[in-house]
ModelCIF file with pLDDT and N, C-alpha, C, O atoms, coordinates in Angstrom:
data_MODEL
#
_entry.id   MODEL 
#
_entity.id                         1 
_entity.type                       polymer 
_entity.pdbx_number_of_molecules   1 
#
_entity_poly.entity_id                      1 
_entity_poly.type                           'polypeptide(L)' 
_entity_poly.nstd_linkage                   no 
_entity_poly.nstd_monomer                   no 
_entity_poly.pdbx_seq_one_letter_code       
;(UNK)(UNK)(UNK)(UNK)(UNK)(UNK)(UNK)(UNK)(UNK)(UNK)(UNK)(UNK)(UNK)(UNK)(UNK)(UNK)
(UNK)(UNK)(UNK)(UNK)(UNK)(UNK)(UNK)(UNK)(UNK)(UNK)(UNK)(UNK)(UNK)(UNK)(UNK)(UNK)
(UNK)(UNK)(UNK)(UNK)(UNK)(UNK)(UNK)(UNK)(UNK)(UNK)(UNK)(UNK)(UNK)(UNK)
;
_entity_poly.pdbx_seq_one_letter_code_can   XXXXXXXXXXXXXXXXXXXXXXXXXXXXXXXXXXXXXXXXXXXXXX 
_entity_poly.pdbx_strand_id                 A 
#
loop_
_entity_poly_seq.entity_id 
_entity_poly_seq.num 
_entity_poly_seq.mon_id 
_entity_poly_seq.hetero 
1 1  UNK n 
1 2  UNK n 
1 3  UNK n 
1 4  UNK n 
1 5  UNK n 
1 6  UNK n 
1 7  UNK n 
1 8  UNK n 
1 9  UNK n 
1 10 UNK n 
1 11 UNK n 
1 12 UNK n 
1 13 UNK n 
1 14 UNK n 
1 15 UNK n 
1 16 UNK n 
1 17 UNK n 
1 18 UNK n 
1 19 UNK n 
1 20 UNK n 
1 21 UNK n 
1 22 UNK n 
1 23 UNK n 
1 24 UNK n 
1 25 UNK n 
1 26 UNK n 
1 27 UNK n 
1 28 UNK n 
1 29 UNK n 
1 30 UNK n 
1 31 UNK n 
1 32 UNK n 
1 33 UNK n 
1 34 UNK n 
1 35 UNK n 
1 36 UNK n 
1 37 UNK n 
1 38 UNK n 
1 39 UNK n 
1 40 UNK n 
1 41 UNK n 
1 42 UNK n 
1 43 UNK n 
1 44 UNK n 
1 45 UNK n 
1 46 UNK n 
#
_struct_asym.id          A 
_struct_asym.entity_id   1 
#
loop_
_ma_qa_metric.id 
_ma_qa_metric.mode 
_ma_qa_metric.name 
_ma_qa_metric.software_group_id 
_ma_qa_metric.type 
1 global pLDDT . pLDDT 
2 local  pLDDT . pLDDT 
#
_ma_qa_metric_global.metric_id      1 
_ma_qa_metric_global.metric_value   97.33 
_ma_qa_metric_global.model_id       1 
_ma_qa_metric_global.ordinal_id     1 
#
loop_
_ma_qa_metric_local.label_asym_id 
_ma_qa_metric_local.label_comp_id 
_ma_qa_metric_local.label_seq_id 
_ma_qa_metric_local.metric_id 
_ma_qa_metric_local.metric_value 
_ma_qa_metric_local.model_id 
_ma_qa_metric_local.ordinal_id 
A UNK 1  2 95.00 1 1  
A UNK 2  2 97.00 1 2  
A UNK 3  2 97.00 1 3  
A UNK 4  2 98.00 1 4  
A UNK 5  2 98.00 1 5  
A UNK 6  2 98.00 1 6  
A UNK 7  2 98.00 1 7  
A UNK 8  2 98.00 1 8  
A UNK 9  2 98.00 1 9  
A UNK 10 2 98.00 1 10 
A UNK 11 2 98.00 1 11 
A UNK 12 2 98.00 1 12 
A UNK 13 2 98.00 1 13 
A UNK 14 2 98.00 1 14 
A UNK 15 2 98.00 1 15 
A UNK 16 2 98.00 1 16 
A UNK 17 2 98.00 1 17 
A UNK 18 2 98.00 1 18 
A UNK 19 2 98.00 1 19 
A UNK 20 2 98.00 1 20 
A UNK 21 2 98.00 1 21 
A UNK 22 2 98.00 1 22 
A UNK 23 2 97.00 1 23 
A UNK 24 2 97.00 1 24 
A UNK 25 2 97.00 1 25 
A UNK 26 2 97.00 1 26 
A UNK 27 2 95.00 1 27 
A UNK 28 2 94.00 1 28 
A UNK 29 2 95.00 1 29 
A UNK 30 2 97.00 1 30 
A UNK 31 2 96.00 1 31 
A UNK 32 2 95.00 1 32 
A UNK 33 2 94.00 1 33 
A UNK 34 2 96.00 1 34 
A UNK 35 2 97.00 1 35 
A UNK 36 2 98.00 1 36 
A UNK 37 2 98.00 1 37 
A UNK 38 2 98.00 1 38 
A UNK 39 2 98.00 1 39 
A UNK 40 2 98.00 1 40 
A UNK 41 2 98.00 1 41 
A UNK 42 2 98.00 1 42 
A UNK 43 2 98.00 1 43 
A UNK 44 2 98.00 1 44 
A UNK 45 2 98.00 1 45 
A UNK 46 2 99.00 1 46 
#
loop_
_atom_site.group_PDB 
_atom_site.id 
_atom_site.type_symbol 
_atom_site.label_atom_id 
_atom_site.label_alt_id 
_atom_site.label_comp_id 
_atom_site.label_asym_id 
_atom_site.label_entity_id 
_atom_site.label_seq_id 
_atom_site.pdbx_PDB_ins_code 
_atom_site.Cartn_x 
_atom_site.Cartn_y 
_atom_site.Cartn_z 
_atom_site.occupancy 
_atom_site.B_iso_or_equiv 
_atom_site.pdbx_formal_charge 
_atom_site.auth_seq_id 
_atom_site.auth_comp_id 
_atom_site.auth_asym_id 
_atom_site.auth_atom_id 
_atom_site.pdbx_PDB_model_num 
ATOM 1   N N  . UNK A 1 1  ? 0.999  -1.071 -0.077  1.00 95.00 ? 1  UNK A N  1 
ATOM 2   C CA . UNK A 1 1  ? -0.080 0.062  -0.228  1.00 95.00 ? 1  UNK A CA 1 
ATOM 3   C C  . UNK A 1 1  ? 0.944  1.083  -0.013  1.00 95.00 ? 1  UNK A C  1 
ATOM 4   O O  . UNK A 1 1  ? 0.585  1.987  -0.768  1.00 95.00 ? 1  UNK A O  1 
ATOM 5   N N  . UNK A 1 2  ? 1.943  1.440  0.540   1.00 97.00 ? 2  UNK A N  1 
ATOM 6   C CA . UNK A 1 2  ? 3.000  2.713  0.780   1.00 97.00 ? 2  UNK A CA 1 
ATOM 7   C C  . UNK A 1 2  ? 3.448  2.633  -0.679  1.00 97.00 ? 2  UNK A C  1 
ATOM 8   O O  . UNK A 1 2  ? 3.282  3.546  -1.488  1.00 97.00 ? 2  UNK A O  1 
ATOM 9   N N  . UNK A 1 3  ? 4.154  1.213  -0.999  1.00 97.00 ? 3  UNK A N  1 
ATOM 10  C CA . UNK A 1 3  ? 4.618  1.456  -2.577  1.00 97.00 ? 3  UNK A CA 1 
ATOM 11  C C  . UNK A 1 3  ? 3.512  2.203  -3.644  1.00 97.00 ? 3  UNK A C  1 
ATOM 12  O O  . UNK A 1 3  ? 3.833  2.897  -4.609  1.00 97.00 ? 3  UNK A O  1 
ATOM 13  N N  . UNK A 1 4  ? 2.386  1.936  -3.291  1.00 98.00 ? 4  UNK A N  1 
ATOM 14  C CA . UNK A 1 4  ? 1.317  2.187  -4.462  1.00 98.00 ? 4  UNK A CA 1 
ATOM 15  C C  . UNK A 1 4  ? 0.691  3.821  -4.445  1.00 98.00 ? 4  UNK A C  1 
ATOM 16  O O  . UNK A 1 4  ? 0.161  4.486  -5.335  1.00 98.00 ? 4  UNK A O  1 
ATOM 17  N N  . UNK A 1 5  ? 1.071  4.183  -2.750  1.00 98.00 ? 5  UNK A N  1 
ATOM 18  C CA . UNK A 1 5  ? 0.543  5.507  -2.643  1.00 98.00 ? 5  UNK A CA 1 
ATOM 19  C C  . UNK A 1 5  ? 1.961  6.274  -2.633  1.00 98.00 ? 5  UNK A C  1 
ATOM 20  O O  . UNK A 1 5  ? 1.804  7.446  -2.977  1.00 98.00 ? 5  UNK A O  1 
ATOM 21  N N  . UNK A 1 6  ? 2.923  6.041  -2.422  1.00 98.00 ? 6  UNK A N  1 
ATOM 22  C CA . UNK A 1 6  ? 4.365  6.810  -2.950  1.00 98.00 ? 6  UNK A CA 1 
ATOM 23  C C  . UNK A 1 6  ? 4.462  7.214  -4.609  1.00 98.00 ? 6  UNK A C  1 
ATOM 24  O O  . UNK A 1 6  ? 4.928  8.206  -5.169  1.00 98.00 ? 6  UNK A O  1 
ATOM 25  N N  . UNK A 1 7  ? 3.624  5.651  -5.270  1.00 98.00 ? 7  UNK A N  1 
ATOM 26  C CA . UNK A 1 7  ? 3.600  5.679  -6.669  1.00 98.00 ? 7  UNK A CA 1 
ATOM 27  C C  . UNK A 1 7  ? 2.574  7.004  -7.325  1.00 98.00 ? 7  UNK A C  1 
ATOM 28  O O  . UNK A 1 7  ? 2.829  7.834  -8.198  1.00 98.00 ? 7  UNK A O  1 
ATOM 29  N N  . UNK A 1 8  ? 1.627  6.838  -6.688  1.00 98.00 ? 8  UNK A N  1 
ATOM 30  C CA . UNK A 1 8  ? 0.986  8.181  -7.239  1.00 98.00 ? 8  UNK A CA 1 
ATOM 31  C C  . UNK A 1 8  ? 1.293  9.564  -7.000  1.00 98.00 ? 8  UNK A C  1 
ATOM 32  O O  . UNK A 1 8  ? 0.913  10.499 -7.705  1.00 98.00 ? 8  UNK A O  1 
ATOM 33  N N  . UNK A 1 9  ? 2.072  9.650  -5.862  1.00 98.00 ? 9  UNK A N  1 
ATOM 34  C CA . UNK A 1 9  ? 2.875  11.075 -5.797  1.00 98.00 ? 9  UNK A CA 1 
ATOM 35  C C  . UNK A 1 9  ? 3.864  11.192 -6.985  1.00 98.00 ? 9  UNK A C  1 
ATOM 36  O O  . UNK A 1 9  ? 3.841  12.244 -7.624  1.00 98.00 ? 9  UNK A O  1 
ATOM 37  N N  . UNK A 1 10 ? 4.695  10.251 -7.327  1.00 98.00 ? 10 UNK A N  1 
ATOM 38  C CA . UNK A 1 10 ? 5.632  10.188 -7.996  1.00 98.00 ? 10 UNK A CA 1 
ATOM 39  C C  . UNK A 1 10 ? 4.857  10.272 -9.363  1.00 98.00 ? 10 UNK A C  1 
ATOM 40  O O  . UNK A 1 10 ? 5.422  11.034 -10.148 1.00 98.00 ? 10 UNK A O  1 
ATOM 41  N N  . UNK A 1 11 ? 3.796  9.732  -9.819  1.00 98.00 ? 11 UNK A N  1 
ATOM 42  C CA . UNK A 1 11 ? 3.359  9.552  -11.232 1.00 98.00 ? 11 UNK A CA 1 
ATOM 43  C C  . UNK A 1 11 ? 2.625  11.257 -11.557 1.00 98.00 ? 11 UNK A C  1 
ATOM 44  O O  . UNK A 1 11 ? 2.431  11.773 -12.658 1.00 98.00 ? 11 UNK A O  1 
ATOM 45  N N  . UNK A 1 12 ? 2.329  11.845 -10.151 1.00 98.00 ? 12 UNK A N  1 
ATOM 46  C CA . UNK A 1 12 ? 1.820  13.203 -10.282 1.00 98.00 ? 12 UNK A CA 1 
ATOM 47  C C  . UNK A 1 12 ? 2.778  14.533 -10.571 1.00 98.00 ? 12 UNK A C  1 
ATOM 48  O O  . UNK A 1 12 ? 2.430  15.667 -10.898 1.00 98.00 ? 12 UNK A O  1 
ATOM 49  N N  . UNK A 1 13 ? 4.180  13.964 -10.324 1.00 98.00 ? 13 UNK A N  1 
ATOM 50  C CA . UNK A 1 13 ? 5.082  14.656 -10.627 1.00 98.00 ? 13 UNK A CA 1 
ATOM 51  C C  . UNK A 1 13 ? 5.799  15.306 -9.741  1.00 98.00 ? 13 UNK A C  1 
ATOM 52  O O  . UNK A 1 13 ? 6.295  16.412 -9.954  1.00 98.00 ? 13 UNK A O  1 
ATOM 53  N N  . UNK A 1 14 ? 5.940  14.445 -8.326  1.00 98.00 ? 14 UNK A N  1 
ATOM 54  C CA . UNK A 1 14 ? 6.319  14.997 -7.088  1.00 98.00 ? 14 UNK A CA 1 
ATOM 55  C C  . UNK A 1 14 ? 7.689  14.127 -6.541  1.00 98.00 ? 14 UNK A C  1 
ATOM 56  O O  . UNK A 1 14 ? 7.532  12.969 -6.156  1.00 98.00 ? 14 UNK A O  1 
ATOM 57  N N  . UNK A 1 15 ? 8.680  14.595 -6.535  1.00 98.00 ? 15 UNK A N  1 
ATOM 58  C CA . UNK A 1 15 ? 9.655  13.776 -5.596  1.00 98.00 ? 15 UNK A CA 1 
ATOM 59  C C  . UNK A 1 15 ? 9.539  13.337 -4.475  1.00 98.00 ? 15 UNK A C  1 
ATOM 60  O O  . UNK A 1 15 ? 8.735  13.961 -3.782  1.00 98.00 ? 15 UNK A O  1 
ATOM 61  N N  . UNK A 1 16 ? 10.070 12.430 -3.973  1.00 98.00 ? 16 UNK A N  1 
ATOM 62  C CA . UNK A 1 16 ? 9.641  11.611 -2.612  1.00 98.00 ? 16 UNK A CA 1 
ATOM 63  C C  . UNK A 1 16 ? 10.669 11.604 -1.839  1.00 98.00 ? 16 UNK A C  1 
ATOM 64  O O  . UNK A 1 16 ? 11.476 10.830 -2.355  1.00 98.00 ? 16 UNK A O  1 
ATOM 65  N N  . UNK A 1 17 ? 11.219 12.165 -0.602  1.00 98.00 ? 17 UNK A N  1 
ATOM 66  C CA . UNK A 1 17 ? 12.123 12.276 -0.013  1.00 98.00 ? 17 UNK A CA 1 
ATOM 67  C C  . UNK A 1 17 ? 11.687 10.969 1.505   1.00 98.00 ? 17 UNK A C  1 
ATOM 68  O O  . UNK A 1 17 ? 10.515 10.831 1.855   1.00 98.00 ? 17 UNK A O  1 
ATOM 69  N N  . UNK A 1 18 ? 12.506 10.404 1.993   1.00 98.00 ? 18 UNK A N  1 
ATOM 70  C CA . UNK A 1 18 ? 12.042 9.806  3.215   1.00 98.00 ? 18 UNK A CA 1 
ATOM 71  C C  . UNK A 1 18 ? 12.900 8.880  4.143   1.00 98.00 ? 18 UNK A C  1 
ATOM 72  O O  . UNK A 1 18 ? 13.282 7.736  3.901   1.00 98.00 ? 18 UNK A O  1 
ATOM 73  N N  . UNK A 1 19 ? 13.171 9.839  5.555   1.00 98.00 ? 19 UNK A N  1 
ATOM 74  C CA . UNK A 1 19 ? 13.735 9.367  6.303   1.00 98.00 ? 19 UNK A CA 1 
ATOM 75  C C  . UNK A 1 19 ? 13.356 7.836  7.028   1.00 98.00 ? 19 UNK A C  1 
ATOM 76  O O  . UNK A 1 19 ? 12.193 7.438  6.973   1.00 98.00 ? 19 UNK A O  1 
ATOM 77  N N  . UNK A 1 20 ? 14.315 7.096  7.639   1.00 98.00 ? 20 UNK A N  1 
ATOM 78  C CA . UNK A 1 20 ? 14.066 5.663  8.132   1.00 98.00 ? 20 UNK A CA 1 
ATOM 79  C C  . UNK A 1 20 ? 13.666 6.184  9.840   1.00 98.00 ? 20 UNK A C  1 
ATOM 80  O O  . UNK A 1 20 ? 12.836 5.585  10.524  1.00 98.00 ? 20 UNK A O  1 
ATOM 81  N N  . UNK A 1 21 ? 14.323 7.209  10.240  1.00 98.00 ? 21 UNK A N  1 
ATOM 82  C CA . UNK A 1 21 ? 14.181 7.889  11.472  1.00 98.00 ? 21 UNK A CA 1 
ATOM 83  C C  . UNK A 1 21 ? 15.246 7.331  12.231  1.00 98.00 ? 21 UNK A C  1 
ATOM 84  O O  . UNK A 1 21 ? 15.595 6.171  12.014  1.00 98.00 ? 21 UNK A O  1 
ATOM 85  N N  . UNK A 1 22 ? 15.873 8.119  13.208  1.00 98.00 ? 22 UNK A N  1 
ATOM 86  C CA . UNK A 1 22 ? 17.079 7.828  13.980  1.00 98.00 ? 22 UNK A CA 1 
ATOM 87  C C  . UNK A 1 22 ? 17.056 6.401  14.498  1.00 98.00 ? 22 UNK A C  1 
ATOM 88  O O  . UNK A 1 22 ? 16.003 5.958  14.955  1.00 98.00 ? 22 UNK A O  1 
ATOM 89  N N  . UNK A 1 23 ? 18.052 5.723  14.461  1.00 97.00 ? 23 UNK A N  1 
ATOM 90  C CA . UNK A 1 23 ? 18.096 4.478  14.875  1.00 97.00 ? 23 UNK A CA 1 
ATOM 91  C C  . UNK A 1 23 ? 17.506 3.368  14.324  1.00 97.00 ? 23 UNK A C  1 
ATOM 92  O O  . UNK A 1 23 ? 17.574 2.272  14.879  1.00 97.00 ? 23 UNK A O  1 
ATOM 93  N N  . UNK A 1 24 ? 16.760 3.601  12.968  1.00 97.00 ? 24 UNK A N  1 
ATOM 94  C CA . UNK A 1 24 ? 16.612 2.375  12.240  1.00 97.00 ? 24 UNK A CA 1 
ATOM 95  C C  . UNK A 1 24 ? 17.257 2.469  10.924  1.00 97.00 ? 24 UNK A C  1 
ATOM 96  O O  . UNK A 1 24 ? 16.990 3.290  10.046  1.00 97.00 ? 24 UNK A O  1 
ATOM 97  N N  . UNK A 1 25 ? 18.385 1.270  10.877  1.00 97.00 ? 25 UNK A N  1 
ATOM 98  C CA . UNK A 1 25 ? 19.387 0.847  9.783   1.00 97.00 ? 25 UNK A CA 1 
ATOM 99  C C  . UNK A 1 25 ? 20.493 1.394  10.451  1.00 97.00 ? 25 UNK A C  1 
ATOM 100 O O  . UNK A 1 25 ? 21.510 0.706  10.365  1.00 97.00 ? 25 UNK A O  1 
ATOM 101 N N  . UNK A 1 26 ? 20.583 2.421  11.085  1.00 97.00 ? 26 UNK A N  1 
ATOM 102 C CA . UNK A 1 26 ? 22.038 3.006  11.809  1.00 97.00 ? 26 UNK A CA 1 
ATOM 103 C C  . UNK A 1 26 ? 22.028 2.811  13.152  1.00 97.00 ? 26 UNK A C  1 
ATOM 104 O O  . UNK A 1 26 ? 21.021 2.512  13.793  1.00 97.00 ? 26 UNK A O  1 
ATOM 105 N N  . UNK A 1 27 ? 22.946 2.944  13.530  1.00 95.00 ? 27 UNK A N  1 
ATOM 106 C CA . UNK A 1 27 ? 23.273 2.720  14.775  1.00 95.00 ? 27 UNK A CA 1 
ATOM 107 C C  . UNK A 1 27 ? 22.548 2.901  16.005  1.00 95.00 ? 27 UNK A C  1 
ATOM 108 O O  . UNK A 1 27 ? 21.637 3.716  15.859  1.00 95.00 ? 27 UNK A O  1 
ATOM 109 N N  . UNK A 1 28 ? 22.637 2.414  17.194  1.00 94.00 ? 28 UNK A N  1 
ATOM 110 C CA . UNK A 1 28 ? 21.592 2.856  17.907  1.00 94.00 ? 28 UNK A CA 1 
ATOM 111 C C  . UNK A 1 28 ? 19.854 2.392  18.025  1.00 94.00 ? 28 UNK A C  1 
ATOM 112 O O  . UNK A 1 28 ? 19.177 1.931  17.106  1.00 94.00 ? 28 UNK A O  1 
ATOM 113 N N  . UNK A 1 29 ? 19.445 2.648  19.314  1.00 95.00 ? 29 UNK A N  1 
ATOM 114 C CA . UNK A 1 29 ? 17.968 2.455  19.332  1.00 95.00 ? 29 UNK A CA 1 
ATOM 115 C C  . UNK A 1 29 ? 16.875 3.395  18.699  1.00 95.00 ? 29 UNK A C  1 
ATOM 116 O O  . UNK A 1 29 ? 16.807 4.541  19.142  1.00 95.00 ? 29 UNK A O  1 
ATOM 117 N N  . UNK A 1 30 ? 16.044 3.017  17.735  1.00 97.00 ? 30 UNK A N  1 
ATOM 118 C CA . UNK A 1 30 ? 14.848 3.320  17.558  1.00 97.00 ? 30 UNK A CA 1 
ATOM 119 C C  . UNK A 1 30 ? 14.012 4.124  18.673  1.00 97.00 ? 30 UNK A C  1 
ATOM 120 O O  . UNK A 1 30 ? 13.301 3.421  19.391  1.00 97.00 ? 30 UNK A O  1 
ATOM 121 N N  . UNK A 1 31 ? 14.009 5.392  18.887  1.00 96.00 ? 31 UNK A N  1 
ATOM 122 C CA . UNK A 1 31 ? 13.017 5.920  20.034  1.00 96.00 ? 31 UNK A CA 1 
ATOM 123 C C  . UNK A 1 31 ? 11.777 5.917  19.490  1.00 96.00 ? 31 UNK A C  1 
ATOM 124 O O  . UNK A 1 31 ? 11.450 6.986  18.975  1.00 96.00 ? 31 UNK A O  1 
ATOM 125 N N  . UNK A 1 32 ? 10.858 4.887  19.443  1.00 95.00 ? 32 UNK A N  1 
ATOM 126 C CA . UNK A 1 32 ? 9.575  4.561  18.626  1.00 95.00 ? 32 UNK A CA 1 
ATOM 127 C C  . UNK A 1 32 ? 8.653  5.422  19.329  1.00 95.00 ? 32 UNK A C  1 
ATOM 128 O O  . UNK A 1 32 ? 8.618  5.855  20.481  1.00 95.00 ? 32 UNK A O  1 
ATOM 129 N N  . UNK A 1 33 ? 7.988  5.536  18.410  1.00 94.00 ? 33 UNK A N  1 
ATOM 130 C CA . UNK A 1 33 ? 6.864  7.236  18.567  1.00 94.00 ? 33 UNK A CA 1 
ATOM 131 C C  . UNK A 1 33 ? 7.278  8.266  19.293  1.00 94.00 ? 33 UNK A C  1 
ATOM 132 O O  . UNK A 1 33 ? 6.425  8.959  19.847  1.00 94.00 ? 33 UNK A O  1 
ATOM 133 N N  . UNK A 1 34 ? 8.758  8.594  19.445  1.00 96.00 ? 34 UNK A N  1 
ATOM 134 C CA . UNK A 1 34 ? 8.991  9.701  20.258  1.00 96.00 ? 34 UNK A CA 1 
ATOM 135 C C  . UNK A 1 34 ? 8.818  10.720 19.143  1.00 96.00 ? 34 UNK A C  1 
ATOM 136 O O  . UNK A 1 34 ? 9.293  10.397 18.054  1.00 96.00 ? 34 UNK A O  1 
ATOM 137 N N  . UNK A 1 35 ? 8.265  11.795 19.232  1.00 97.00 ? 35 UNK A N  1 
ATOM 138 C CA . UNK A 1 35 ? 7.987  12.631 17.937  1.00 97.00 ? 35 UNK A CA 1 
ATOM 139 C C  . UNK A 1 35 ? 9.349  13.685 17.813  1.00 97.00 ? 35 UNK A C  1 
ATOM 140 O O  . UNK A 1 35 ? 9.629  14.023 16.663  1.00 97.00 ? 35 UNK A O  1 
ATOM 141 N N  . UNK A 1 36 ? 10.075 14.140 18.752  1.00 98.00 ? 36 UNK A N  1 
ATOM 142 C CA . UNK A 1 36 ? 11.065 15.004 18.476  1.00 98.00 ? 36 UNK A CA 1 
ATOM 143 C C  . UNK A 1 36 ? 12.137 14.388 17.847  1.00 98.00 ? 36 UNK A C  1 
ATOM 144 O O  . UNK A 1 36 ? 12.777 15.058 17.036  1.00 98.00 ? 36 UNK A O  1 
ATOM 145 N N  . UNK A 1 37 ? 12.479 13.151 18.084  1.00 98.00 ? 37 UNK A N  1 
ATOM 146 C CA . UNK A 1 37 ? 13.813 12.068 16.977  1.00 98.00 ? 37 UNK A CA 1 
ATOM 147 C C  . UNK A 1 37 ? 13.234 11.840 15.506  1.00 98.00 ? 37 UNK A C  1 
ATOM 148 O O  . UNK A 1 37 ? 13.991 11.532 14.586  1.00 98.00 ? 37 UNK A O  1 
ATOM 149 N N  . UNK A 1 38 ? 12.152 11.969 15.362  1.00 98.00 ? 38 UNK A N  1 
ATOM 150 C CA . UNK A 1 38 ? 11.360 11.549 14.272  1.00 98.00 ? 38 UNK A CA 1 
ATOM 151 C C  . UNK A 1 38 ? 11.269 13.042 13.336  1.00 98.00 ? 38 UNK A C  1 
ATOM 152 O O  . UNK A 1 38 ? 11.542 13.058 12.136  1.00 98.00 ? 38 UNK A O  1 
ATOM 153 N N  . UNK A 1 39 ? 10.904 14.082 13.993  1.00 98.00 ? 39 UNK A N  1 
ATOM 154 C CA . UNK A 1 39 ? 11.057 15.419 13.815  1.00 98.00 ? 39 UNK A CA 1 
ATOM 155 C C  . UNK A 1 39 ? 12.413 15.951 12.800  1.00 98.00 ? 39 UNK A C  1 
ATOM 156 O O  . UNK A 1 39 ? 12.430 16.238 11.603  1.00 98.00 ? 39 UNK A O  1 
ATOM 157 N N  . UNK A 1 40 ? 13.511 15.940 13.839  1.00 98.00 ? 40 UNK A N  1 
ATOM 158 C CA . UNK A 1 40 ? 15.011 16.134 13.319  1.00 98.00 ? 40 UNK A CA 1 
ATOM 159 C C  . UNK A 1 40 ? 14.998 15.230 12.457  1.00 98.00 ? 40 UNK A C  1 
ATOM 160 O O  . UNK A 1 40 ? 14.878 15.780 11.362  1.00 98.00 ? 40 UNK A O  1 
ATOM 161 N N  . UNK A 1 41 ? 15.075 13.781 12.311  1.00 98.00 ? 41 UNK A N  1 
ATOM 162 C CA . UNK A 1 41 ? 15.447 13.227 10.992  1.00 98.00 ? 41 UNK A CA 1 
ATOM 163 C C  . UNK A 1 41 ? 14.819 13.687 9.725   1.00 98.00 ? 41 UNK A C  1 
ATOM 164 O O  . UNK A 1 41 ? 15.363 13.674 8.621   1.00 98.00 ? 41 UNK A O  1 
ATOM 165 N N  . UNK A 1 42 ? 13.581 14.106 10.009  1.00 98.00 ? 42 UNK A N  1 
ATOM 166 C CA . UNK A 1 42 ? 12.703 14.549 8.677   1.00 98.00 ? 42 UNK A CA 1 
ATOM 167 C C  . UNK A 1 42 ? 13.330 15.974 8.422   1.00 98.00 ? 42 UNK A C  1 
ATOM 168 O O  . UNK A 1 42 ? 13.812 16.191 7.311   1.00 98.00 ? 42 UNK A O  1 
ATOM 169 N N  . UNK A 1 43 ? 13.347 16.810 9.246   1.00 98.00 ? 43 UNK A N  1 
ATOM 170 C CA . UNK A 1 43 ? 13.913 18.181 8.877   1.00 98.00 ? 43 UNK A CA 1 
ATOM 171 C C  . UNK A 1 43 ? 15.151 17.949 8.085   1.00 98.00 ? 43 UNK A C  1 
ATOM 172 O O  . UNK A 1 43 ? 15.211 18.462 6.968   1.00 98.00 ? 43 UNK A O  1 
ATOM 173 N N  . UNK A 1 44 ? 16.396 17.060 8.637   1.00 98.00 ? 44 UNK A N  1 
ATOM 174 C CA . UNK A 1 44 ? 17.552 16.738 8.352   1.00 98.00 ? 44 UNK A CA 1 
ATOM 175 C C  . UNK A 1 44 ? 17.793 16.095 6.849   1.00 98.00 ? 44 UNK A C  1 
ATOM 176 O O  . UNK A 1 44 ? 18.705 16.272 6.041   1.00 98.00 ? 44 UNK A O  1 
ATOM 177 N N  . UNK A 1 45 ? 16.734 15.368 6.809   1.00 98.00 ? 45 UNK A N  1 
ATOM 178 C CA . UNK A 1 45 ? 16.713 14.388 5.457   1.00 98.00 ? 45 UNK A CA 1 
ATOM 179 C C  . UNK A 1 45 ? 16.263 15.654 4.188   1.00 98.00 ? 45 UNK A C  1 
ATOM 180 O O  . UNK A 1 45 ? 16.791 15.559 3.079   1.00 98.00 ? 45 UNK A O  1 
ATOM 181 N N  . UNK A 1 46 ? 15.518 16.512 4.404   1.00 99.00 ? 46 UNK A N  1 
ATOM 182 C CA . UNK A 1 46 ? 15.009 17.396 3.495   1.00 99.00 ? 46 UNK A CA 1 
ATOM 183 C C  . UNK A 1 46 ? 16.076 18.624 3.599   1.00 99.00 ? 46 UNK A C  1 
ATOM 184 O O  . UNK A 1 46 ? 15.932 19.628 2.902   1.00 99.00 ? 46 UNK A O  1 
#
């Protein structure tokens, strides 16, 4: 469903950037549902 949703936006001419969020993939534990780490990760990938 996410792949299809992102495809919808791509086909409408939008680029999509997407963070894994802090600690997912990289070193350290992902702070699940903690909003400030998510926000910082999103702002910095932009």
